[in-house]
């Protein structure tokens, strides 16, 4: 006869195998869903200063500031397998020293059950817009893009971007005085 421990082991192994198979089926049911959504971004009050960055060195670097408006309906991103969304606004541009520069300017977490309509007006940046040099001065092609990570209940952690971006241009001279 089988002992009590061997029976518990067999039941536990069967239960865990069944749960793993069900978790995989849950993941497979949402893996091919497109998580794209339309996003509208605009920016204003663009300011550029050349200030020393004391955290790394005393070398002067470009510091950009702006206010932005953001509108997005992210309701379609939530399904039964979505626990929360991590939204982040990035600025992407190219300089002579770096082929790709990406800076996260703002972020937000939207949990299941919260309003998934994002409507932000005249918002300050949450994080500094530093460039490691003078790459923002007179730059005419900086793209603002809203992206998101979908935190699922089961499965991988996909990253998606919205179907709208905004091109902004920085001034060709540094701003004097207070920025806000």
N, C-alpha and C. Protein backbone atom coordinates (compact mmCIF):
# COMPACT_ATOMS: atom_id res chain seq x y z
N UNK A 1 0.82 -1.18 0.00
CA UNK A 1 0.00 0.00 0.00
C UNK A 1 0.87 1.25 0.00
N UNK A 2 0.25 2.31 -0.44
CA UNK A 2 0.96 3.59 -0.44
C UNK A 2 0.82 4.25 0.91
N UNK A 3 1.87 4.92 1.30
CA UNK A 3 1.82 5.63 2.58
C UNK A 3 1.05 6.94 2.42
N UNK A 4 0.74 7.55 3.53
CA UNK A 4 0.01 8.82 3.53
C UNK A 4 0.81 9.90 2.80
N UNK A 5 2.12 9.97 3.04
CA UNK A 5 2.95 10.98 2.40
C UNK A 5 3.05 10.79 0.89
N UNK A 6 3.09 9.57 0.43
CA UNK A 6 3.15 9.35 -1.02
C UNK A 6 1.84 9.73 -1.69
N UNK A 7 0.72 9.50 -1.00
CA UNK A 7 -0.58 9.92 -1.55
C UNK A 7 -0.68 11.45 -1.59
N UNK A 8 -0.24 12.13 -0.53
CA UNK A 8 -0.23 13.60 -0.52
C UNK A 8 0.67 14.12 -1.63
N UNK A 9 1.81 13.49 -1.82
CA UNK A 9 2.72 13.89 -2.88
C UNK A 9 2.08 13.74 -4.25
N UNK A 10 1.38 12.64 -4.49
CA UNK A 10 0.73 12.41 -5.79
C UNK A 10 -0.38 13.42 -6.03
N UNK A 11 -1.19 13.69 -5.02
CA UNK A 11 -2.27 14.67 -5.17
C UNK A 11 -1.69 16.07 -5.40
N UNK A 12 -0.65 16.43 -4.67
CA UNK A 12 -0.01 17.75 -4.84
C UNK A 12 0.59 17.90 -6.22
N UNK A 13 1.28 16.88 -6.70
CA UNK A 13 1.88 16.94 -8.03
C UNK A 13 0.82 17.06 -9.12
N UNK A 14 -0.26 16.30 -8.99
CA UNK A 14 -1.35 16.40 -9.97
C UNK A 14 -2.00 17.79 -9.92
N UNK A 15 -2.23 18.32 -8.72
CA UNK A 15 -2.85 19.65 -8.57
C UNK A 15 -1.98 20.74 -9.17
N UNK A 16 -0.68 20.70 -8.88
CA UNK A 16 0.23 21.72 -9.43
C UNK A 16 0.35 21.61 -10.94
N UNK A 17 0.38 20.39 -11.46
CA UNK A 17 0.44 20.21 -12.92
C UNK A 17 -0.82 20.75 -13.58
N UNK A 18 -1.98 20.50 -12.97
CA UNK A 18 -3.24 21.01 -13.52
C UNK A 18 -3.28 22.54 -13.48
N UNK A 19 -2.86 23.12 -12.35
CA UNK A 19 -2.83 24.59 -12.24
C UNK A 19 -1.87 25.21 -13.25
N UNK A 20 -0.72 24.58 -13.46
CA UNK A 20 0.24 25.10 -14.45
C UNK A 20 -0.36 25.05 -15.85
N UNK A 21 -1.05 23.96 -16.18
CA UNK A 21 -1.68 23.84 -17.50
C UNK A 21 -2.78 24.88 -17.67
N UNK A 22 -3.60 25.11 -16.65
CA UNK A 22 -4.66 26.11 -16.72
C UNK A 22 -4.08 27.52 -16.82
N UNK A 23 -3.01 27.79 -16.10
CA UNK A 23 -2.35 29.10 -16.19
C UNK A 23 -1.82 29.34 -17.59
N UNK A 24 -1.23 28.33 -18.19
CA UNK A 24 -0.74 28.47 -19.56
C UNK A 24 -1.89 28.72 -20.54
N UNK A 25 -3.00 28.03 -20.37
CA UNK A 25 -4.16 28.25 -21.24
C UNK A 25 -4.72 29.66 -21.07
N UNK A 26 -4.72 30.16 -19.84
CA UNK A 26 -5.16 31.54 -19.60
C UNK A 26 -4.24 32.52 -20.32
N UNK A 27 -2.94 32.31 -20.23
CA UNK A 27 -1.97 33.16 -20.92
C UNK A 27 -2.17 33.08 -22.43
N UNK A 28 -2.35 31.87 -22.95
CA UNK A 28 -2.50 31.67 -24.39
C UNK A 28 -3.76 32.33 -24.94
N UNK A 29 -4.77 32.50 -24.10
CA UNK A 29 -6.02 33.11 -24.58
C UNK A 29 -5.89 34.61 -24.81
N UNK A 30 -4.86 35.26 -24.26
CA UNK A 30 -4.71 36.72 -24.44
C UNK A 30 -3.38 37.12 -25.08
N UNK A 31 -2.56 36.17 -25.45
CA UNK A 31 -1.22 36.51 -25.95
C UNK A 31 -1.26 37.18 -27.33
N UNK A 32 -2.26 36.92 -28.14
CA UNK A 32 -2.31 37.46 -29.49
C UNK A 32 -3.21 38.69 -29.63
N UNK A 33 -3.67 39.24 -28.53
CA UNK A 33 -4.50 40.44 -28.56
C UNK A 33 -3.63 41.66 -28.81
N UNK A 34 -4.08 42.55 -29.67
CA UNK A 34 -3.35 43.81 -29.92
C UNK A 34 -3.71 44.81 -28.84
N UNK A 35 -2.70 45.37 -28.22
CA UNK A 35 -2.90 46.34 -27.15
C UNK A 35 -2.55 47.75 -27.62
N UNK A 36 -2.95 48.09 -28.82
CA UNK A 36 -2.75 49.45 -29.34
C UNK A 36 -3.94 50.31 -28.96
N UNK A 37 -3.69 51.60 -28.79
CA UNK A 37 -4.76 52.54 -28.48
C UNK A 37 -4.36 53.91 -29.02
N UNK A 38 -5.33 54.70 -29.47
CA UNK A 38 -5.00 56.04 -29.98
C UNK A 38 -4.66 56.99 -28.82
N UNK A 39 -3.62 57.80 -29.06
CA UNK A 39 -3.14 58.74 -28.06
C UNK A 39 -2.94 60.10 -28.72
N UNK A 40 -3.35 61.16 -28.03
CA UNK A 40 -3.14 62.52 -28.51
C UNK A 40 -2.24 63.25 -27.51
N UNK A 41 -1.12 63.77 -28.01
CA UNK A 41 -0.16 64.47 -27.16
C UNK A 41 0.14 65.83 -27.80
N UNK A 42 0.14 66.88 -26.99
CA UNK A 42 0.61 68.19 -27.43
C UNK A 42 1.49 68.76 -26.33
N UNK A 43 2.38 69.66 -26.70
CA UNK A 43 3.29 70.27 -25.73
C UNK A 43 3.35 71.77 -25.95
N UNK A 44 3.59 72.50 -24.86
CA UNK A 44 3.68 73.95 -24.92
C UNK A 44 4.64 74.42 -23.84
N UNK A 45 4.90 75.71 -23.81
CA UNK A 45 5.79 76.34 -22.83
C UNK A 45 7.16 75.64 -22.79
N UNK A 46 7.76 75.44 -23.94
CA UNK A 46 9.04 74.74 -24.03
C UNK A 46 10.15 75.69 -23.63
N UNK A 47 10.92 75.26 -22.62
CA UNK A 47 12.00 76.07 -22.07
C UNK A 47 13.28 75.24 -22.11
N UNK A 48 14.40 75.89 -22.39
CA UNK A 48 15.69 75.20 -22.44
C UNK A 48 16.73 76.01 -21.70
N UNK A 49 17.42 75.36 -20.77
CA UNK A 49 18.49 76.02 -20.01
C UNK A 49 19.76 75.19 -20.13
N UNK A 50 20.88 75.84 -19.92
CA UNK A 50 22.18 75.19 -19.91
C UNK A 50 22.73 75.35 -18.50
N UNK A 51 22.58 74.31 -17.68
CA UNK A 51 22.92 74.39 -16.27
C UNK A 51 23.86 73.25 -15.88
N UNK A 52 24.65 73.44 -14.83
CA UNK A 52 25.52 72.35 -14.37
C UNK A 52 24.71 71.24 -13.70
N UNK A 53 25.09 70.02 -13.99
CA UNK A 53 24.46 68.86 -13.35
C UNK A 53 25.40 68.38 -12.25
N UNK A 54 25.08 68.71 -11.02
CA UNK A 54 25.98 68.44 -9.90
C UNK A 54 26.01 66.97 -9.50
N UNK A 55 25.05 66.18 -9.94
CA UNK A 55 25.02 64.77 -9.55
C UNK A 55 26.18 63.99 -10.17
N UNK A 56 26.57 64.34 -11.39
CA UNK A 56 27.62 63.60 -12.08
C UNK A 56 28.90 64.41 -12.14
N UNK A 57 28.81 65.62 -12.63
CA UNK A 57 29.97 66.50 -12.73
C UNK A 57 29.48 67.93 -12.70
N UNK A 58 30.36 68.86 -12.81
CA UNK A 58 29.96 70.26 -12.84
C UNK A 58 29.86 70.77 -14.28
N UNK A 59 29.95 69.87 -15.22
CA UNK A 59 29.83 70.24 -16.63
C UNK A 59 28.40 70.69 -16.92
N UNK A 60 28.27 71.71 -17.76
CA UNK A 60 26.95 72.23 -18.10
C UNK A 60 26.29 71.36 -19.17
N UNK A 61 25.04 71.01 -18.90
CA UNK A 61 24.25 70.19 -19.81
C UNK A 61 22.92 70.88 -20.07
N UNK A 62 22.24 70.43 -21.11
CA UNK A 62 20.93 70.99 -21.44
C UNK A 62 19.87 70.40 -20.52
N UNK A 63 19.00 71.28 -20.04
CA UNK A 63 17.87 70.89 -19.22
C UNK A 63 16.62 71.47 -19.87
N UNK A 64 15.77 70.58 -20.37
CA UNK A 64 14.54 71.00 -21.02
C UNK A 64 13.36 70.92 -20.07
N UNK A 65 12.42 71.80 -20.26
CA UNK A 65 11.18 71.78 -19.48
C UNK A 65 10.03 72.12 -20.42
N UNK A 66 8.90 71.54 -20.16
CA UNK A 66 7.72 71.81 -20.97
C UNK A 66 6.49 71.40 -20.19
N UNK A 67 5.36 71.79 -20.70
CA UNK A 67 4.07 71.34 -20.19
C UNK A 67 3.39 70.58 -21.33
N UNK A 68 2.64 69.56 -20.98
CA UNK A 68 2.03 68.75 -22.04
C UNK A 68 0.57 68.46 -21.73
N UNK A 69 -0.17 68.19 -22.79
CA UNK A 69 -1.55 67.71 -22.71
C UNK A 69 -1.55 66.29 -23.27
N UNK A 70 -2.30 65.42 -22.63
CA UNK A 70 -2.33 64.02 -23.02
C UNK A 70 -3.76 63.51 -22.92
N UNK A 71 -4.24 62.88 -23.99
CA UNK A 71 -5.57 62.30 -24.00
C UNK A 71 -5.47 60.90 -24.59
N UNK A 72 -6.03 59.92 -23.86
CA UNK A 72 -6.02 58.54 -24.33
C UNK A 72 -7.15 57.76 -23.68
N UNK A 73 -7.80 56.93 -24.48
CA UNK A 73 -8.82 56.03 -23.97
C UNK A 73 -8.20 54.63 -23.94
N UNK A 74 -7.86 54.17 -22.77
CA UNK A 74 -7.17 52.89 -22.61
C UNK A 74 -8.10 51.78 -22.13
N UNK A 75 -9.38 51.98 -22.28
CA UNK A 75 -10.37 51.00 -21.84
C UNK A 75 -10.19 49.67 -22.56
N UNK A 76 -9.84 49.71 -23.83
CA UNK A 76 -9.71 48.47 -24.60
C UNK A 76 -8.50 47.62 -24.17
N UNK A 77 -7.58 48.18 -23.38
CA UNK A 77 -6.41 47.43 -22.94
C UNK A 77 -6.71 46.50 -21.78
N UNK A 78 -7.81 46.76 -21.10
CA UNK A 78 -8.16 45.92 -19.95
C UNK A 78 -9.02 44.75 -20.39
N UNK A 79 -8.56 43.56 -20.05
CA UNK A 79 -9.36 42.34 -20.22
C UNK A 79 -9.22 41.55 -18.92
N UNK A 80 -9.71 40.34 -18.91
CA UNK A 80 -9.69 39.58 -17.67
C UNK A 80 -8.28 39.27 -17.17
N UNK A 81 -7.28 39.32 -18.06
CA UNK A 81 -5.91 38.98 -17.70
C UNK A 81 -5.06 40.22 -17.41
N UNK A 82 -5.62 41.41 -17.40
CA UNK A 82 -4.85 42.63 -17.14
C UNK A 82 -5.05 43.05 -15.70
N UNK A 83 -3.96 43.09 -14.96
CA UNK A 83 -4.02 43.51 -13.56
C UNK A 83 -3.88 45.03 -13.46
N UNK A 84 -2.89 45.59 -14.18
CA UNK A 84 -2.69 47.03 -14.16
C UNK A 84 -1.85 47.44 -15.37
N UNK A 85 -1.85 48.76 -15.64
CA UNK A 85 -1.05 49.34 -16.71
C UNK A 85 -0.02 50.28 -16.11
N UNK A 86 1.18 50.24 -16.64
CA UNK A 86 2.21 51.20 -16.26
C UNK A 86 2.45 52.08 -17.48
N UNK A 87 1.97 53.32 -17.43
CA UNK A 87 2.11 54.27 -18.54
C UNK A 87 3.36 55.10 -18.35
N UNK A 88 4.04 55.42 -19.45
CA UNK A 88 5.19 56.32 -19.37
C UNK A 88 5.33 57.11 -20.66
N UNK A 89 5.60 58.40 -20.50
CA UNK A 89 5.80 59.31 -21.62
C UNK A 89 7.30 59.46 -21.84
N UNK A 90 7.75 59.17 -23.06
CA UNK A 90 9.18 59.26 -23.36
C UNK A 90 9.43 60.30 -24.45
N UNK A 91 10.61 60.88 -24.38
CA UNK A 91 11.09 61.76 -25.44
C UNK A 91 12.23 61.02 -26.13
N UNK A 92 12.17 60.93 -27.44
CA UNK A 92 13.21 60.23 -28.19
C UNK A 92 13.76 61.18 -29.24
N UNK A 93 15.09 61.24 -29.33
CA UNK A 93 15.74 62.12 -30.29
C UNK A 93 17.14 61.60 -30.59
N UNK A 94 17.74 62.16 -31.62
CA UNK A 94 19.07 61.76 -32.05
C UNK A 94 20.02 62.95 -31.95
N UNK A 95 21.24 62.70 -31.48
CA UNK A 95 22.27 63.74 -31.43
C UNK A 95 23.52 63.22 -32.13
N UNK A 96 24.50 64.09 -32.27
CA UNK A 96 25.74 63.67 -32.93
C UNK A 96 26.53 62.67 -32.07
N UNK A 97 26.39 62.76 -30.75
CA UNK A 97 27.13 61.85 -29.88
C UNK A 97 26.40 60.54 -29.62
N UNK A 98 25.06 60.56 -29.68
CA UNK A 98 24.26 59.36 -29.42
C UNK A 98 23.23 59.17 -30.51
N UNK A 99 23.21 57.99 -31.09
CA UNK A 99 22.25 57.70 -32.15
C UNK A 99 20.81 57.69 -31.62
N UNK A 100 20.61 57.10 -30.44
CA UNK A 100 19.27 57.03 -29.85
C UNK A 100 19.33 57.57 -28.43
N UNK A 101 18.53 58.58 -28.14
CA UNK A 101 18.37 59.12 -26.79
C UNK A 101 16.91 58.94 -26.41
N UNK A 102 16.66 58.28 -25.29
CA UNK A 102 15.31 58.12 -24.78
C UNK A 102 15.29 58.57 -23.33
N UNK A 103 14.36 59.48 -23.02
CA UNK A 103 14.24 60.02 -21.68
C UNK A 103 12.80 59.84 -21.22
N UNK A 104 12.60 59.22 -20.07
CA UNK A 104 11.26 59.11 -19.50
C UNK A 104 10.96 60.42 -18.78
N UNK A 105 9.83 61.04 -19.16
CA UNK A 105 9.47 62.35 -18.63
C UNK A 105 8.35 62.29 -17.59
N UNK A 106 7.49 61.28 -17.70
CA UNK A 106 6.31 61.20 -16.84
C UNK A 106 5.84 59.75 -16.80
N UNK A 107 5.24 59.33 -15.70
CA UNK A 107 4.67 57.99 -15.64
C UNK A 107 3.45 57.96 -14.73
N UNK A 108 2.69 56.88 -14.85
CA UNK A 108 1.48 56.71 -14.05
C UNK A 108 1.09 55.24 -14.08
N UNK A 109 0.50 54.77 -12.98
CA UNK A 109 -0.01 53.41 -12.89
C UNK A 109 -1.53 53.48 -12.84
N UNK A 110 -2.18 52.67 -13.68
CA UNK A 110 -3.63 52.55 -13.67
C UNK A 110 -3.96 51.11 -13.30
N UNK A 111 -4.65 50.94 -12.18
CA UNK A 111 -5.03 49.61 -11.72
C UNK A 111 -6.40 49.22 -12.26
N UNK A 112 -6.68 47.93 -12.26
CA UNK A 112 -7.98 47.42 -12.67
C UNK A 112 -9.05 48.06 -11.78
N UNK A 113 -10.11 48.52 -12.41
CA UNK A 113 -11.20 49.15 -11.68
C UNK A 113 -11.11 50.66 -11.62
N UNK A 114 -9.93 51.23 -11.86
CA UNK A 114 -9.79 52.68 -11.91
C UNK A 114 -10.19 53.16 -13.30
N UNK A 115 -10.40 54.45 -13.42
CA UNK A 115 -10.75 55.03 -14.71
C UNK A 115 -9.59 54.89 -15.68
N UNK A 116 -9.86 54.33 -16.84
CA UNK A 116 -8.80 54.14 -17.84
C UNK A 116 -8.84 55.22 -18.91
N UNK A 117 -9.60 56.26 -18.68
CA UNK A 117 -9.59 57.43 -19.56
C UNK A 117 -8.55 58.40 -19.01
N UNK A 118 -7.51 58.67 -19.81
CA UNK A 118 -6.46 59.58 -19.38
C UNK A 118 -6.68 60.91 -20.09
N UNK A 119 -6.87 61.95 -19.30
CA UNK A 119 -7.06 63.28 -19.85
C UNK A 119 -6.30 64.25 -18.95
N UNK A 120 -5.13 64.65 -19.40
CA UNK A 120 -4.26 65.51 -18.62
C UNK A 120 -4.06 66.81 -19.38
N UNK A 121 -4.20 67.91 -18.68
CA UNK A 121 -4.05 69.24 -19.29
C UNK A 121 -2.97 70.03 -18.55
N UNK A 122 -2.09 70.65 -19.29
CA UNK A 122 -1.08 71.57 -18.76
C UNK A 122 -0.25 70.95 -17.64
N UNK A 123 0.21 69.73 -17.86
CA UNK A 123 0.94 68.96 -16.85
C UNK A 123 2.44 69.25 -16.92
N UNK A 124 3.05 69.47 -15.75
CA UNK A 124 4.52 69.58 -15.66
C UNK A 124 5.14 68.20 -15.86
N UNK A 125 6.40 68.18 -16.21
CA UNK A 125 7.13 66.92 -16.29
C UNK A 125 7.36 66.37 -14.89
N UNK A 126 7.31 65.08 -14.75
CA UNK A 126 7.54 64.44 -13.46
C UNK A 126 9.04 64.23 -13.20
N UNK A 127 9.79 64.04 -14.27
CA UNK A 127 11.23 63.81 -14.17
C UNK A 127 11.98 64.85 -15.01
N UNK A 128 13.23 65.10 -14.64
CA UNK A 128 14.04 66.07 -15.38
C UNK A 128 14.33 65.59 -16.80
N UNK A 129 14.36 66.54 -17.72
CA UNK A 129 14.67 66.25 -19.12
C UNK A 129 16.12 66.69 -19.37
N UNK A 130 17.07 65.90 -18.90
CA UNK A 130 18.50 66.19 -19.06
C UNK A 130 19.01 65.60 -20.36
N UNK A 131 19.89 66.32 -21.00
CA UNK A 131 20.67 65.78 -22.11
C UNK A 131 22.12 65.79 -21.67
N UNK A 132 22.87 64.75 -21.99
CA UNK A 132 24.27 64.68 -21.57
C UNK A 132 25.17 65.46 -22.52
N UNK A 133 24.91 66.73 -22.61
CA UNK A 133 25.67 67.62 -23.48
C UNK A 133 24.79 68.78 -23.88
N UNK A 134 24.93 69.21 -25.13
CA UNK A 134 24.14 70.32 -25.64
C UNK A 134 23.29 69.88 -26.82
N UNK A 135 22.73 68.67 -26.74
CA UNK A 135 22.00 68.10 -27.85
C UNK A 135 20.59 68.62 -28.05
N UNK A 136 20.05 69.35 -27.06
CA UNK A 136 18.68 69.85 -27.20
C UNK A 136 18.62 71.24 -27.81
N UNK A 137 19.71 71.97 -27.78
CA UNK A 137 19.73 73.34 -28.30
C UNK A 137 19.42 73.35 -29.79
N UNK A 138 18.30 73.96 -30.15
CA UNK A 138 17.89 74.06 -31.55
C UNK A 138 17.44 72.75 -32.17
N UNK A 139 17.22 71.73 -31.38
CA UNK A 139 16.80 70.43 -31.91
C UNK A 139 15.35 70.53 -32.38
N UNK A 140 15.09 70.13 -33.61
CA UNK A 140 13.76 70.29 -34.22
C UNK A 140 12.97 69.00 -34.31
N UNK A 141 13.52 67.88 -33.86
CA UNK A 141 12.86 66.60 -34.08
C UNK A 141 12.89 65.72 -32.82
N UNK A 142 12.23 66.17 -31.76
CA UNK A 142 12.11 65.38 -30.54
C UNK A 142 10.71 64.80 -30.51
N UNK A 143 10.59 63.48 -30.43
CA UNK A 143 9.29 62.81 -30.46
C UNK A 143 8.85 62.46 -29.05
N UNK A 144 7.63 62.86 -28.70
CA UNK A 144 7.01 62.46 -27.45
C UNK A 144 6.07 61.29 -27.75
N UNK A 145 6.24 60.20 -27.02
CA UNK A 145 5.45 58.99 -27.25
C UNK A 145 4.97 58.44 -25.92
N UNK A 146 3.70 58.03 -25.87
CA UNK A 146 3.17 57.35 -24.69
C UNK A 146 3.26 55.85 -24.93
N UNK A 147 3.87 55.15 -23.99
CA UNK A 147 3.99 53.69 -24.05
C UNK A 147 3.45 53.11 -22.76
N UNK A 148 3.23 51.79 -22.77
CA UNK A 148 2.73 51.15 -21.55
C UNK A 148 3.19 49.72 -21.48
N UNK A 149 3.37 49.28 -20.24
CA UNK A 149 3.60 47.87 -19.92
C UNK A 149 2.29 47.35 -19.37
N UNK A 150 1.88 46.20 -19.83
CA UNK A 150 0.67 45.56 -19.33
C UNK A 150 1.10 44.52 -18.31
N UNK A 151 0.69 44.72 -17.06
CA UNK A 151 1.02 43.77 -16.01
C UNK A 151 -0.12 42.75 -15.96
N UNK A 152 0.14 41.52 -16.41
CA UNK A 152 -0.94 40.52 -16.50
C UNK A 152 -1.07 39.74 -15.20
N UNK A 153 -2.16 39.02 -15.11
CA UNK A 153 -2.33 38.07 -14.02
C UNK A 153 -1.48 36.84 -14.29
N UNK A 154 -1.44 36.40 -15.54
CA UNK A 154 -0.60 35.26 -15.94
C UNK A 154 -0.01 35.56 -17.31
N UNK A 155 1.29 35.35 -17.47
CA UNK A 155 1.92 35.52 -18.78
C UNK A 155 3.06 36.50 -18.77
N UNK A 156 3.45 36.92 -19.97
CA UNK A 156 4.59 37.80 -20.15
C UNK A 156 4.20 39.25 -19.88
N UNK A 157 5.19 40.10 -19.82
CA UNK A 157 5.01 41.53 -19.55
C UNK A 157 5.27 42.30 -20.85
N UNK A 158 4.22 42.47 -21.69
CA UNK A 158 4.45 43.12 -22.98
C UNK A 158 4.55 44.64 -22.86
N UNK A 159 5.29 45.24 -23.78
CA UNK A 159 5.42 46.70 -23.88
C UNK A 159 4.81 47.13 -25.20
N UNK A 160 3.92 48.12 -25.15
CA UNK A 160 3.25 48.63 -26.34
C UNK A 160 3.36 50.14 -26.36
N UNK A 161 3.18 50.73 -27.53
CA UNK A 161 3.16 52.19 -27.68
C UNK A 161 1.84 52.62 -28.28
N UNK A 162 1.47 53.85 -27.98
CA UNK A 162 0.24 54.40 -28.54
C UNK A 162 0.40 54.71 -30.01
N UNK A 163 -0.73 54.88 -30.70
CA UNK A 163 -0.70 55.15 -32.13
C UNK A 163 -0.73 56.63 -32.43
N UNK A 164 -0.02 57.39 -31.63
CA UNK A 164 0.10 58.82 -31.88
C UNK A 164 1.32 59.34 -31.15
N UNK A 165 2.03 60.25 -31.77
CA UNK A 165 3.18 60.87 -31.11
C UNK A 165 3.16 62.36 -31.46
N UNK A 166 4.03 63.10 -30.81
CA UNK A 166 4.09 64.54 -31.02
C UNK A 166 5.54 64.93 -31.25
N UNK A 167 5.78 65.68 -32.32
CA UNK A 167 7.13 66.18 -32.61
C UNK A 167 7.23 67.59 -32.06
N UNK A 168 8.25 67.83 -31.26
CA UNK A 168 8.45 69.18 -30.74
C UNK A 168 9.82 69.68 -31.11
N UNK A 169 9.95 70.99 -31.10
CA UNK A 169 11.21 71.65 -31.44
C UNK A 169 11.65 72.50 -30.25
N UNK A 170 12.91 72.40 -29.90
CA UNK A 170 13.46 73.22 -28.82
C UNK A 170 13.97 74.53 -29.40
N UNK A 171 13.98 75.59 -28.60
CA UNK A 171 14.45 76.89 -29.09
C UNK A 171 15.94 76.86 -29.43
N UNK A 172 16.35 77.78 -30.29
CA UNK A 172 17.75 77.84 -30.70
C UNK A 172 18.59 78.69 -29.76
N UNK A 173 17.98 79.26 -28.73
CA UNK A 173 18.70 80.02 -27.70
C UNK A 173 18.23 79.54 -26.33
N UNK A 174 19.13 79.64 -25.35
CA UNK A 174 18.76 79.24 -24.00
C UNK A 174 17.85 80.28 -23.36
N UNK A 175 16.95 79.81 -22.51
CA UNK A 175 16.00 80.67 -21.82
C UNK A 175 16.68 81.26 -20.60
N UNK A 176 16.43 82.52 -20.36
CA UNK A 176 16.99 83.21 -19.18
C UNK A 176 15.91 83.35 -18.13
N UNK A 177 16.30 83.45 -16.86
CA UNK A 177 15.35 83.68 -15.79
C UNK A 177 14.67 82.41 -15.33
N UNK A 178 13.59 82.59 -14.57
CA UNK A 178 12.83 81.45 -14.04
C UNK A 178 12.10 80.74 -15.16
N UNK A 179 11.98 79.42 -15.00
CA UNK A 179 11.29 78.64 -16.02
C UNK A 179 9.81 78.50 -15.72
N UNK A 180 9.40 78.65 -14.46
CA UNK A 180 7.99 78.47 -14.14
C UNK A 180 7.50 79.65 -13.37
